[in-house]
Amino acid sequence: MQRCAKQVGQSPRLTIYHANQCDPKRCTGLKLKRHGLVRLVTKTKFLPKRAIVLNPFSEIAFSHADRERIANFGVVALDCSWEHAEKVLSKHVKGTSRCLPILMAGNPVNYGKTTKLTTAEALAAALYIAGFKDEAKKVLSIFTWGHTFFELNAVLLEAYAAAQDSTEVIKIMQHMLRKSVNEKKNLSNSTKQKAENATT
């Protein structure tokens, strides 16, 4: 009989590839390590073979469909610059690449910015979307601003978590982007109209 890698009641394995490029005092990955919440590695050869790798260059969006693989083999986040990440991922990195859908950062450095998540936020997002909501909240519970990430992305996180697969996640993102463009267009037209009325 095949043995299941995920034991009942056990949280998904979290691994961080750390390139030592960040300020140790601000690094969320190192803080997660200090609290015993993640395994930290500095060489790609130590990454788990069949885990989900959060890869910003992947064409496949992370979705609830990845839950089983995360449960059994864990999830990997990259704590390094985008340039370094591209170099690392251009090599043979073990695991299945997935790109996180669009979310807003709740950390104080990049508050409100999209695609500017900390390593801790990225892991929490993946856990939440996969259905491990308690584990996601635990990851960010050690940060004073952790709750902000969930508050900013409450609607999106629930929508992504409800999506069946990558295709549905992408549709949600496309809808969100169209809505954002329309809102900006309406705001611009409103501002223009007010300016015209003020000059008449």
C-alpha atoms as a PDB file:
ATOM      1  CA  MET A   1       0.000   0.000   0.000  1.00  0.00           C
ATOM      2  CA  GLN A   2       1.278   3.479  -0.882  1.00  0.00           C
ATOM      3  CA  ARG A   3       1.997   5.590   2.136  1.00  0.00           C
ATOM      4  CA  CYS A   4       0.497   9.069   2.168  1.00  0.00           C
ATOM      5  CA  ALA A   5       3.170  11.747   2.689  1.00  0.00           C
ATOM      6  CA  LYS A   6       0.683  14.009   4.472  1.00  0.00           C
ATOM      7  CA  GLN A   7      -0.132  12.824   7.976  1.00  0.00           C
ATOM      8  CA  VAL A   8      -3.544  13.607   9.416  1.00  0.00           C
ATOM      9  CA  GLY A   9      -3.541  16.952  11.207  1.00  0.00           C
ATOM     10  CA  GLN A  10      -0.098  17.890   9.899  1.00  0.00           C
ATOM     11  CA  SER A  11       0.407  21.305   8.300  1.00  0.00           C
ATOM     12  CA  PRO A  12       1.848  21.522   4.786  1.00  0.00           C
ATOM     13  CA  ARG A  13       5.627  21.694   4.636  1.00  0.00           C
ATOM     14  CA  LEU A  14       6.882  25.228   3.972  1.00  0.00           C
ATOM     15  CA  THR A  15      10.326  25.748   2.454  1.00  0.00           C
ATOM     16  CA  ILE A  16      12.095  28.986   1.577  1.00  0.00           C
ATOM     17  CA  TYR A  17      15.011  29.333  -0.796  1.00  0.00           C
ATOM     18  CA  HIS A  18      17.003  32.197   0.739  1.00  0.00           C
ATOM     19  CA  ALA A  19      19.661  34.069  -1.237  1.00  0.00           C
ATOM     20  CA  ASN A  20      20.867  36.278   1.642  1.00  0.00           C
ATOM     21  CA  GLN A  21      20.062  39.449  -0.306  1.00  0.00           C
ATOM     22  CA  CYS A  22      17.736  41.133   2.178  1.00  0.00           C
ATOM     23  CA  ASP A  23      18.077  43.139   5.374  1.00  0.00           C
ATOM     24  CA  PRO A  24      18.072  40.483   8.146  1.00  0.00           C
ATOM     25  CA  LYS A  25      16.062  42.808  10.400  1.00  0.00           C
ATOM     26  CA  ARG A  26      13.240  43.122   7.840  1.00  0.00           C
ATOM     27  CA  CYS A  27      13.407  39.672   6.254  1.00  0.00           C
ATOM     28  CA  THR A  28      10.116  37.851   6.779  1.00  0.00           C
ATOM     29  CA  GLY A  29      11.645  34.552   5.701  1.00  0.00           C
ATOM     30  CA  LEU A  30      14.257  34.655   8.462  1.00  0.00           C
ATOM     31  CA  LYS A  31      11.596  35.559  11.018  1.00  0.00           C
ATOM     32  CA  LEU A  32       9.478  32.596   9.959  1.00  0.00           C
ATOM     33  CA  LYS A  33      12.568  30.410  10.377  1.00  0.00           C
ATOM     34  CA  ARG A  34      13.215  31.751  13.877  1.00  0.00           C
ATOM     35  CA  HIS A  35       9.660  30.839  14.841  1.00  0.00           C
ATOM     36  CA  GLY A  36      10.061  27.334  13.476  1.00  0.00           C
ATOM     37  CA  LEU A  37       7.392  27.806  10.809  1.00  0.00           C
ATOM     38  CA  VAL A  38       9.542  27.101   7.738  1.00  0.00           C
ATOM     39  CA  ARG A  39      12.583  25.205   6.540  1.00  0.00           C
ATOM     40  CA  LEU A  40      15.156  27.540   5.020  1.00  0.00           C
ATOM     41  CA  VAL A  41      17.666  26.424   2.374  1.00  0.00           C
ATOM     42  CA  THR A  42      20.389  28.345   0.524  1.00  0.00           C
ATOM     43  CA  LYS A  43      20.940  25.868  -2.321  1.00  0.00           C
ATOM     44  CA  THR A  44      18.333  24.736  -4.850  1.00  0.00           C
ATOM     45  CA  LYS A  45      19.492  21.129  -4.597  1.00  0.00           C
ATOM     46  CA  PHE A  46      17.932  21.017  -1.128  1.00  0.00           C
ATOM     47  CA  LEU A  47      14.456  22.000  -2.346  1.00  0.00           C
ATOM     48  CA  PRO A  48      11.791  19.294  -2.035  1.00  0.00           C
ATOM     49  CA  LYS A  49      11.440  17.396  -5.306  1.00  0.00           C
ATOM     50  CA  ARG A  50       7.674  17.434  -5.863  1.00  0.00           C
ATOM     51  CA  ALA A  51       6.596  20.574  -4.022  1.00  0.00           C
ATOM     52  CA  ILE A  52       4.795  23.555  -5.539  1.00  0.00           C
ATOM     53  CA  VAL A  53       7.327  26.304  -6.300  1.00  0.00           C
ATOM     54  CA  LEU A  54       5.885  29.829  -6.226  1.00  0.00           C
ATOM     55  CA  ASN A  55       7.412  31.064  -9.452  1.00  0.00           C
ATOM     56  CA  PRO A  56       6.533  34.617 -10.612  1.00  0.00           C
ATOM     57  CA  PHE A  57       7.457  33.623 -14.183  1.00  0.00           C
ATOM     58  CA  SER A  58       5.164  30.599 -14.403  1.00  0.00           C
ATOM     59  CA  GLU A  59       2.298  30.758 -16.907  1.00  0.00           C
ATOM     60  CA  ILE A  60       0.070  28.610 -14.709  1.00  0.00           C
ATOM     61  CA  ALA A  61      -1.754  30.358 -11.876  1.00  0.00           C
ATOM     62  CA  PHE A  62      -1.790  28.826  -8.427  1.00  0.00           C
ATOM     63  CA  SER A  63      -5.233  27.495  -7.510  1.00  0.00           C
ATOM     64  CA  HIS A  64      -7.176  25.214  -5.174  1.00  0.00           C
ATOM     65  CA  ALA A  65      -6.378  22.408  -7.612  1.00  0.00           C
ATOM     66  CA  ASP A  66      -2.855  22.423  -6.128  1.00  0.00           C
ATOM     67  CA  ARG A  67      -4.123  21.544  -2.651  1.00  0.00           C
ATOM     68  CA  GLU A  68      -3.295  17.833  -2.790  1.00  0.00           C
ATOM     69  CA  ARG A  69       0.267  18.403  -3.977  1.00  0.00           C
ATOM     70  CA  ILE A  70       0.827  20.998  -1.240  1.00  0.00           C
ATOM     71  CA  ALA A  71      -0.621  18.650   1.364  1.00  0.00           C
ATOM     72  CA  ASN A  72       1.703  15.849   0.328  1.00  0.00           C
ATOM     73  CA  PHE A  73       4.864  17.617  -0.785  1.00  0.00           C
ATOM     74  CA  GLY A  74       4.680  21.196   0.506  1.00  0.00           C
ATOM     75  CA  VAL A  75       5.204  24.628  -1.032  1.00  0.00           C
ATOM     76  CA  VAL A  76       8.389  26.571  -1.803  1.00  0.00           C
ATOM     77  CA  ALA A  77       8.830  30.353  -1.804  1.00  0.00           C
ATOM     78  CA  LEU A  78      11.825  32.252  -3.158  1.00  0.00           C
ATOM     79  CA  ASP A  79      13.335  34.944  -0.930  1.00  0.00           C
ATOM     80  CA  CYS A  80      15.473  36.845  -3.428  1.00  0.00           C
ATOM     81  CA  SER A  81      15.360  39.553  -6.081  1.00  0.00           C
ATOM     82  CA  TRP A  82      13.398  38.952  -9.284  1.00  0.00           C
ATOM     83  CA  GLU A  83      16.649  38.967 -11.268  1.00  0.00           C
ATOM     84  CA  HIS A  84      18.154  36.304  -9.030  1.00  0.00           C
ATOM     85  CA  ALA A  85      14.926  34.329  -9.084  1.00  0.00           C
ATOM     86  CA  GLU A  86      15.024  34.233 -12.875  1.00  0.00           C
ATOM     87  CA  LYS A  87      18.575  32.890 -12.780  1.00  0.00           C
ATOM     88  CA  VAL A  88      17.666  30.260 -10.207  1.00  0.00           C
ATOM     89  CA  LEU A  89      14.539  29.156 -12.059  1.00  0.00           C
ATOM     90  CA  SER A  90      16.321  29.017 -15.399  1.00  0.00           C
ATOM     91  CA  LYS A  91      18.275  26.102 -13.965  1.00  0.00           C
ATOM     92  CA  HIS A  92      16.700  22.761 -13.212  1.00  0.00           C
ATOM     93  CA  VAL A  93      14.630  23.447 -10.104  1.00  0.00           C
ATOM     94  CA  LYS A  94      12.791  20.464  -8.727  1.00  0.00           C
ATOM     95  CA  GLY A  95       9.088  20.962  -8.203  1.00  0.00           C
ATOM     96  CA  THR A  96       5.994  22.228  -9.997  1.00  0.00           C
ATOM     97  CA  SER A  97       5.968  25.948 -10.790  1.00  0.00           C
ATOM     98  CA  ARG A  98       2.922  28.098 -10.117  1.00  0.00           C
ATOM     99  CA  CYS A  99       2.438  31.867 -10.187  1.00  0.00           C
ATOM    100  CA  LEU A 100       0.397  33.472  -7.421  1.00  0.00           C
ATOM    101  CA  PRO A 101      -2.609  35.481  -8.646  1.00  0.00           C
ATOM    102  CA  ILE A 102      -2.720  39.249  -8.196  1.00  0.00           C
ATOM    103  CA  LEU A 103      -2.916  40.337  -4.560  1.00  0.00           C
ATOM    104  CA  MET A 104      -2.108  43.503  -2.630  1.00  0.00           C
ATOM    105  CA  ALA A 105       0.729  43.725  -0.144  1.00  0.00           C
ATOM    106  CA  GLY A 106      -0.195  44.341   3.463  1.00  0.00           C
ATOM    107  CA  ASN A 107       3.359  44.882   4.661  1.00  0.00           C
ATOM    108  CA  PRO A 108       4.317  48.479   5.583  1.00  0.00           C
ATOM    109  CA  VAL A 109       7.072  48.745   2.949  1.00  0.00           C
ATOM    110  CA  ASN A 110       4.867  48.043  -0.083  1.00  0.00           C
ATOM    111  CA  TYR A 111       1.409  48.568   1.418  1.00  0.00           C
ATOM    112  CA  GLY A 112      -1.363  48.398  -1.155  1.00  0.00           C
ATOM    113  CA  LYS A 113       0.939  47.559  -4.070  1.00  0.00           C
ATOM    114  CA  THR A 114       0.189  44.547  -6.245  1.00  0.00           C
ATOM    115  CA  THR A 115       2.785  41.808  -6.846  1.00  0.00           C
ATOM    116  CA  LYS A 116       4.956  43.254  -4.058  1.00  0.00           C
ATOM    117  CA  LEU A 117       4.296  40.591  -1.441  1.00  0.00           C
ATOM    118  CA  THR A 118       6.822  39.549   1.160  1.00  0.00           C
ATOM    119  CA  THR A 119       7.873  35.907   1.283  1.00  0.00           C
ATOM    120  CA  ALA A 120       5.601  35.396   4.290  1.00  0.00           C
ATOM    121  CA  GLU A 121       2.626  36.921   2.453  1.00  0.00           C
ATOM    122  CA  ALA A 122       3.275  34.707  -0.566  1.00  0.00           C
ATOM    123  CA  LEU A 123       3.262  31.550   1.547  1.00  0.00           C
ATOM    124  CA  ALA A 124       0.157  32.672   3.426  1.00  0.00           C
ATOM    125  CA  ALA A 125      -1.633  33.412   0.147  1.00  0.00           C
ATOM    126  CA  ALA A 126      -0.821  29.980  -1.249  1.00  0.00           C
ATOM    127  CA  LEU A 127      -2.002  28.253   1.914  1.00  0.00           C
ATOM    128  CA  TYR A 128      -5.235  30.260   1.998  1.00  0.00           C
ATOM    129  CA  ILE A 129      -6.098  29.656  -1.655  1.00  0.00           C
ATOM    130  CA  ALA A 130      -5.378  25.936  -1.252  1.00  0.00           C
ATOM    131  CA  GLY A 131      -7.813  25.772   1.649  1.00  0.00           C
ATOM    132  CA  PHE A 132      -5.360  25.800   4.559  1.00  0.00           C
ATOM    133  CA  LYS A 133      -6.769  28.989   6.024  1.00  0.00           C
ATOM    134  CA  ASP A 134      -5.776  28.411   9.645  1.00  0.00           C
ATOM    135  CA  GLU A 135      -2.209  27.644   8.585  1.00  0.00           C
ATOM    136  CA  ALA A 136      -2.182  30.804   6.444  1.00  0.00           C
ATOM    137  CA  LYS A 137      -3.230  32.961   9.395  1.00  0.00           C
ATOM    138  CA  LYS A 138      -0.643  31.288  11.606  1.00  0.00           C
ATOM    139  CA  VAL A 139       2.144  32.235   9.167  1.00  0.00           C
ATOM    140  CA  LEU A 140       1.269  35.942   9.326  1.00  0.00           C
ATOM    141  CA  SER A 141       0.281  35.959  13.012  1.00  0.00           C
ATOM    142  CA  ILE A 142       3.896  36.671  14.017  1.00  0.00           C
ATOM    143  CA  PHE A 143       3.835  40.026  12.184  1.00  0.00           C
ATOM    144  CA  THR A 144       2.072  43.071  13.634  1.00  0.00           C
ATOM    145  CA  TRP A 145       0.776  43.931  10.144  1.00  0.00           C
ATOM    146  CA  GLY A 146      -0.177  40.354   9.256  1.00  0.00           C
ATOM    147  CA  HIS A 147      -3.931  40.876   9.631  1.00  0.00           C
ATOM    148  CA  THR A 148      -3.758  43.766   7.149  1.00  0.00           C
ATOM    149  CA  PHE A 149      -2.900  41.402   4.305  1.00  0.00           C
ATOM    150  CA  PHE A 150      -6.072  39.400   4.874  1.00  0.00           C
ATOM    151  CA  GLU A 151      -8.203  42.519   5.281  1.00  0.00           C
ATOM    152  CA  LEU A 152      -6.942  44.077   2.030  1.00  0.00           C
ATOM    153  CA  ASN A 153      -7.412  40.877   0.053  1.00  0.00           C
ATOM    154  CA  ALA A 154     -10.478  39.383   1.741  1.00  0.00           C
ATOM    155  CA  VAL A 155     -12.671  39.360  -1.379  1.00  0.00           C
ATOM    156  CA  LEU A 156      -9.934  38.240  -3.757  1.00  0.00           C
ATOM    157  CA  LEU A 157      -8.639  35.476  -1.497  1.00  0.00           C
ATOM    158  CA  GLU A 158     -12.116  33.996  -1.126  1.00  0.00           C
ATOM    159  CA  ALA A 159     -12.705  34.226  -4.878  1.00  0.00           C
ATOM    160  CA  TYR A 160      -9.399  32.546  -5.690  1.00  0.00           C
ATOM    161  CA  ALA A 161      -9.998  29.860  -3.064  1.00  0.00           C
ATOM    162  CA  ALA A 162     -13.410  29.090  -4.595  1.00  0.00           C
ATOM    163  CA  ALA A 163     -11.986  28.796  -8.119  1.00  0.00           C
ATOM    164  CA  GLN A 164     -11.612  25.203  -9.280  1.00  0.00           C
ATOM    165  CA  ASP A 165      -8.435  25.590 -11.293  1.00  0.00           C
ATOM    166  CA  SER A 166      -5.880  27.917 -12.888  1.00  0.00           C
ATOM    167  CA  THR A 167      -8.223  28.861 -15.732  1.00  0.00           C
ATOM    168  CA  GLU A 168     -10.879  30.143 -13.325  1.00  0.00           C
ATOM    169  CA  VAL A 169      -8.281  32.058 -11.309  1.00  0.00           C
ATOM    170  CA  ILE A 170      -7.078  33.790 -14.480  1.00  0.00           C
ATOM    171  CA  LYS A 171     -10.677  34.742 -15.356  1.00  0.00           C
ATOM    172  CA  ILE A 172     -11.073  36.331 -11.920  1.00  0.00           C
ATOM    173  CA  MET A 173      -7.889  38.348 -12.438  1.00  0.00           C
ATOM    174  CA  GLN A 174      -9.006  39.477 -15.892  1.00  0.00           C
ATOM    175  CA  HIS A 175     -12.365  40.589 -14.511  1.00  0.00           C
ATOM    176  CA  MET A 176     -10.635  42.483 -11.717  1.00  0.00           C
ATOM    177  CA  LEU A 177      -8.294  44.241 -14.149  1.00  0.00           C
ATOM    178  CA  ARG A 178     -11.180  45.256 -16.443  1.00  0.00           C
ATOM    179  CA  LYS A 179     -13.082  46.600 -13.469  1.00  0.00           C
ATOM    180  CA  SER A 180     -10.041  48.580 -12.328  1.00  0.00           C
ATOM    181  CA  VAL A 181      -9.555  50.077 -15.801  1.00  0.00           C
ATOM    182  CA  ASN A 182     -13.239  51.077 -16.009  1.00  0.00           C
ATOM    183  CA  GLU A 183     -13.139  52.669 -12.558  1.00  0.00           C
ATOM    184  CA  LYS A 184     -10.061  54.702 -13.476  1.00  0.00           C
ATOM    185  CA  LYS A 185     -11.698  55.736 -16.750  1.00  0.00           C
ATOM    186  CA  ASN A 186     -14.896  56.829 -14.980  1.00  0.00           C
ATOM    187  CA  LEU A 187     -12.882  58.745 -12.388  1.00  0.00           C
ATOM    188  CA  SER A 188     -10.911  60.489 -15.126  1.00  0.00           C
ATOM    189  CA  ASN A 189     -14.096  61.447 -16.995  1.00  0.00           C
ATOM    190  CA  SER A 190     -15.677  62.728 -13.791  1.00  0.00           C
ATOM    191  CA  THR A 191     -12.624  64.838 -12.969  1.00  0.00           C
ATOM    192  CA  LYS A 192     -12.540  66.222 -16.519  1.00  0.00           C
ATOM    193  CA  GLN A 193     -16.240  67.098 -16.364  1.00  0.00           C
ATOM    194  CA  LYS A 194     -15.809  68.927 -13.061  1.00  0.00           C
ATOM    195  CA  ALA A 195     -12.899  70.901 -14.479  1.00  0.00           C
ATOM    196  CA  GLU A 196     -14.950  71.886 -17.528  1.00  0.00           C
ATOM    197  CA  ASN A 197     -17.888  72.946 -15.366  1.00  0.00           C
ATOM    198  CA  ALA A 198     -15.589  75.052 -13.203  1.00  0.00           C
ATOM    199  CA  THR A 199     -14.343  77.014 -16.201  1.00  0.00           C
ATOM    200  CA  THR A 200     -17.833  77.805 -17.579  1.00  0.00           C
END
